[in-house]
Amino acid sequence: MSEVIRSTQALSAALPAQTAGDDASRIREQCREVEGIFLQQLLSAMDRSPWGEGLLSSGSGERVFNSLRNRELAGELAQREALGLSEMLYRELSGASSKDAP
């Protein structure tokens, strides 16, 4: 989660007060990346067993597969704006009001 917070803070520090044209599309893409990082962390947390390692603990191959699967799935969900987190971030960072939202 700290990675998401650092990304969000870096993104907000780098943004000017007003955005237009290419800047707006660049900001939207960065907001999608933040949503992707958040989703990847969420999916990784869901993979962890609350009871720790058991009799059927996964090997290193399975952990690598799960990590790659989570990264790809998170990227796809972020591009589709599945949670709407990137849109909320964009509105907050660009100073757009909720009245301007589609």
C-alpha atoms as a PDB file:
ATOM      1  CA  MET A   1       0.000   0.000   0.000  1.00  0.00           C
ATOM      2  CA  SER A   2       2.866   2.368   0.655  1.00  0.00           C
ATOM      3  CA  GLU A   3       3.760   2.082  -3.046  1.00  0.00           C
ATOM      4  CA  VAL A   4       0.286   3.387  -3.946  1.00  0.00           C
ATOM      5  CA  ILE A   5       0.619   6.285  -1.501  1.00  0.00           C
ATOM      6  CA  ARG A   6       4.067   7.216  -2.820  1.00  0.00           C
ATOM      7  CA  SER A   7       2.810   7.064  -6.425  1.00  0.00           C
ATOM      8  CA  THR A   8      -0.190   9.224  -5.614  1.00  0.00           C
ATOM      9  CA  GLN A   9       1.930  11.779  -3.764  1.00  0.00           C
ATOM     10  CA  ALA A  10       4.464  11.937  -6.599  1.00  0.00           C
ATOM     11  CA  LEU A  11       1.664  12.311  -9.127  1.00  0.00           C
ATOM     12  CA  SER A  12      -0.034  15.132  -7.235  1.00  0.00           C
ATOM     13  CA  ALA A  13       3.276  16.951  -6.697  1.00  0.00           C
ATOM     14  CA  ALA A  14       4.062  16.811 -10.414  1.00  0.00           C
ATOM     15  CA  LEU A  15       0.715  18.202 -11.570  1.00  0.00           C
ATOM     16  CA  PRO A  16       0.076  21.840 -12.431  1.00  0.00           C
ATOM     17  CA  ALA A  17      -3.100  23.512 -11.231  1.00  0.00           C
ATOM     18  CA  GLN A  18      -4.687  23.487 -14.711  1.00  0.00           C
ATOM     19  CA  THR A  19      -4.379  20.708 -17.302  1.00  0.00           C
ATOM     20  CA  ALA A  20      -5.141  20.680 -21.022  1.00  0.00           C
ATOM     21  CA  GLY A  21      -4.695  18.497 -24.101  1.00  0.00           C
ATOM     22  CA  ASP A  22      -1.757  16.106 -23.868  1.00  0.00           C
ATOM     23  CA  ASP A  23      -1.288  16.854 -20.180  1.00  0.00           C
ATOM     24  CA  ALA A  24      -4.816  15.656 -19.435  1.00  0.00           C
ATOM     25  CA  SER A  25      -4.287  12.351 -21.278  1.00  0.00           C
ATOM     26  CA  ARG A  26      -0.909  11.878 -19.549  1.00  0.00           C
ATOM     27  CA  ILE A  27      -2.521  12.476 -16.170  1.00  0.00           C
ATOM     28  CA  ARG A  28      -5.329  10.026 -16.956  1.00  0.00           C
ATOM     29  CA  GLU A  29      -2.771   7.366 -17.890  1.00  0.00           C
ATOM     30  CA  GLN A  30      -0.837   7.950 -14.673  1.00  0.00           C
ATOM     31  CA  CYS A  31      -4.054   7.688 -12.674  1.00  0.00           C
ATOM     32  CA  ARG A  32      -4.743   4.344 -14.380  1.00  0.00           C
ATOM     33  CA  GLU A  33      -1.254   3.209 -13.367  1.00  0.00           C
ATOM     34  CA  VAL A  34      -1.973   4.102  -9.744  1.00  0.00           C
ATOM     35  CA  GLU A  35      -5.230   2.130  -9.945  1.00  0.00           C
ATOM     36  CA  GLY A  36      -3.256  -0.782 -11.405  1.00  0.00           C
ATOM     37  CA  ILE A  37      -0.756  -0.707  -8.536  1.00  0.00           C
ATOM     38  CA  PHE A  38      -3.614  -0.645  -6.039  1.00  0.00           C
ATOM     39  CA  LEU A  39      -5.346  -3.572  -7.745  1.00  0.00           C
ATOM     40  CA  GLN A  40      -2.109  -5.559  -7.888  1.00  0.00           C
ATOM     41  CA  GLN A  41      -1.611  -5.075  -4.142  1.00  0.00           C
ATOM     42  CA  LEU A  42      -5.227  -6.078  -3.522  1.00  0.00           C
ATOM     43  CA  LEU A  43      -4.933  -9.237  -5.624  1.00  0.00           C
ATOM     44  CA  SER A  44      -1.650 -10.170  -3.946  1.00  0.00           C
ATOM     45  CA  ALA A  45      -3.246  -9.798  -0.520  1.00  0.00           C
ATOM     46  CA  MET A  46      -6.118 -12.015  -1.631  1.00  0.00           C
ATOM     47  CA  ASP A  47      -3.641 -14.754  -2.628  1.00  0.00           C
ATOM     48  CA  ARG A  48      -2.146 -14.930   0.871  1.00  0.00           C
ATOM     49  CA  SER A  49      -3.621 -17.527   3.157  1.00  0.00           C
ATOM     50  CA  PRO A  50      -4.844 -16.121   6.476  1.00  0.00           C
ATOM     51  CA  TRP A  51      -3.588 -19.306   8.165  1.00  0.00           C
ATOM     52  CA  GLY A  52      -0.011 -19.109   6.860  1.00  0.00           C
ATOM     53  CA  GLU A  53       1.786 -21.969   5.163  1.00  0.00           C
ATOM     54  CA  GLY A  54      -0.052 -25.268   5.280  1.00  0.00           C
ATOM     55  CA  LEU A  55       0.412 -28.804   4.004  1.00  0.00           C
ATOM     56  CA  LEU A  56      -0.181 -27.688   0.451  1.00  0.00           C
ATOM     57  CA  SER A  57       2.106 -24.672   0.468  1.00  0.00           C
ATOM     58  CA  SER A  58       2.950 -23.298  -2.940  1.00  0.00           C
ATOM     59  CA  GLY A  59       6.380 -23.563  -4.468  1.00  0.00           C
ATOM     60  CA  SER A  60       8.399 -20.752  -5.975  1.00  0.00           C
ATOM     61  CA  GLY A  61       6.999 -21.457  -9.452  1.00  0.00           C
ATOM     62  CA  GLU A  62       3.455 -21.009  -8.282  1.00  0.00           C
ATOM     63  CA  ARG A  63       4.355 -17.791  -6.451  1.00  0.00           C
ATOM     64  CA  VAL A  64       5.971 -16.400  -9.625  1.00  0.00           C
ATOM     65  CA  PHE A  65       2.932 -17.417 -11.679  1.00  0.00           C
ATOM     66  CA  ASN A  66       0.559 -15.782  -9.192  1.00  0.00           C
ATOM     67  CA  SER A  67       2.635 -12.599  -9.186  1.00  0.00           C
ATOM     68  CA  LEU A  68       2.647 -12.380 -12.992  1.00  0.00           C
ATOM     69  CA  ARG A  69      -1.060 -13.215 -13.168  1.00  0.00           C
ATOM     70  CA  ASN A  70      -1.869 -10.515 -10.613  1.00  0.00           C
ATOM     71  CA  ARG A  71       0.197  -7.924 -12.491  1.00  0.00           C
ATOM     72  CA  GLU A  72      -1.497  -8.651 -15.820  1.00  0.00           C
ATOM     73  CA  LEU A  73      -4.974  -8.842 -14.329  1.00  0.00           C
ATOM     74  CA  ALA A  74      -4.449  -5.591 -12.418  1.00  0.00           C
ATOM     75  CA  GLY A  75      -3.206  -3.870 -15.582  1.00  0.00           C
ATOM     76  CA  GLU A  76      -6.221  -5.040 -17.567  1.00  0.00           C
ATOM     77  CA  LEU A  77      -8.674  -4.002 -14.845  1.00  0.00           C
ATOM     78  CA  ALA A  78      -6.996  -0.602 -14.539  1.00  0.00           C
ATOM     79  CA  GLN A  79      -7.240   0.004 -18.303  1.00  0.00           C
ATOM     80  CA  ARG A  80     -10.957  -0.775 -18.089  1.00  0.00           C
ATOM     81  CA  GLU A  81     -11.220   1.516 -15.037  1.00  0.00           C
ATOM     82  CA  ALA A  82     -12.973  -1.317 -13.213  1.00  0.00           C
ATOM     83  CA  LEU A  83     -13.037   0.380  -9.808  1.00  0.00           C
ATOM     84  CA  GLY A  84     -13.328   3.959 -10.983  1.00  0.00           C
ATOM     85  CA  LEU A  85     -10.381   4.867  -8.767  1.00  0.00           C
ATOM     86  CA  SER A  86      -8.435   6.417 -11.644  1.00  0.00           C
ATOM     87  CA  GLU A  87     -11.371   8.667 -12.539  1.00  0.00           C
ATOM     88  CA  MET A  88     -11.713   9.813  -8.937  1.00  0.00           C
ATOM     89  CA  LEU A  89      -7.975  10.528  -8.766  1.00  0.00           C
ATOM     90  CA  TYR A  90      -8.092  12.411 -12.048  1.00  0.00           C
ATOM     91  CA  ARG A  91     -10.964  14.615 -10.895  1.00  0.00           C
ATOM     92  CA  GLU A  92      -9.251  15.310  -7.591  1.00  0.00           C
ATOM     93  CA  LEU A  93      -5.884  16.106  -9.156  1.00  0.00           C
ATOM     94  CA  SER A  94      -7.184  18.164 -12.038  1.00  0.00           C
ATOM     95  CA  GLY A  95      -9.551  20.204  -9.873  1.00  0.00           C
ATOM     96  CA  ALA A  96     -12.591  19.170 -11.898  1.00  0.00           C
ATOM     97  CA  SER A  97     -15.910  19.387 -10.092  1.00  0.00           C
ATOM     98  CA  SER A  98     -18.364  16.515  -9.948  1.00  0.00           C
ATOM     99  CA  LYS A  99     -20.670  18.568 -12.198  1.00  0.00           C
ATOM    100  CA  ASP A 100     -18.128  18.212 -15.015  1.00  0.00           C
ATOM    101  CA  ALA A 101     -18.131  14.425 -14.737  1.00  0.00           C
ATOM    102  CA  PRO A 102     -19.875  12.493 -17.546  1.00  0.00           C
END
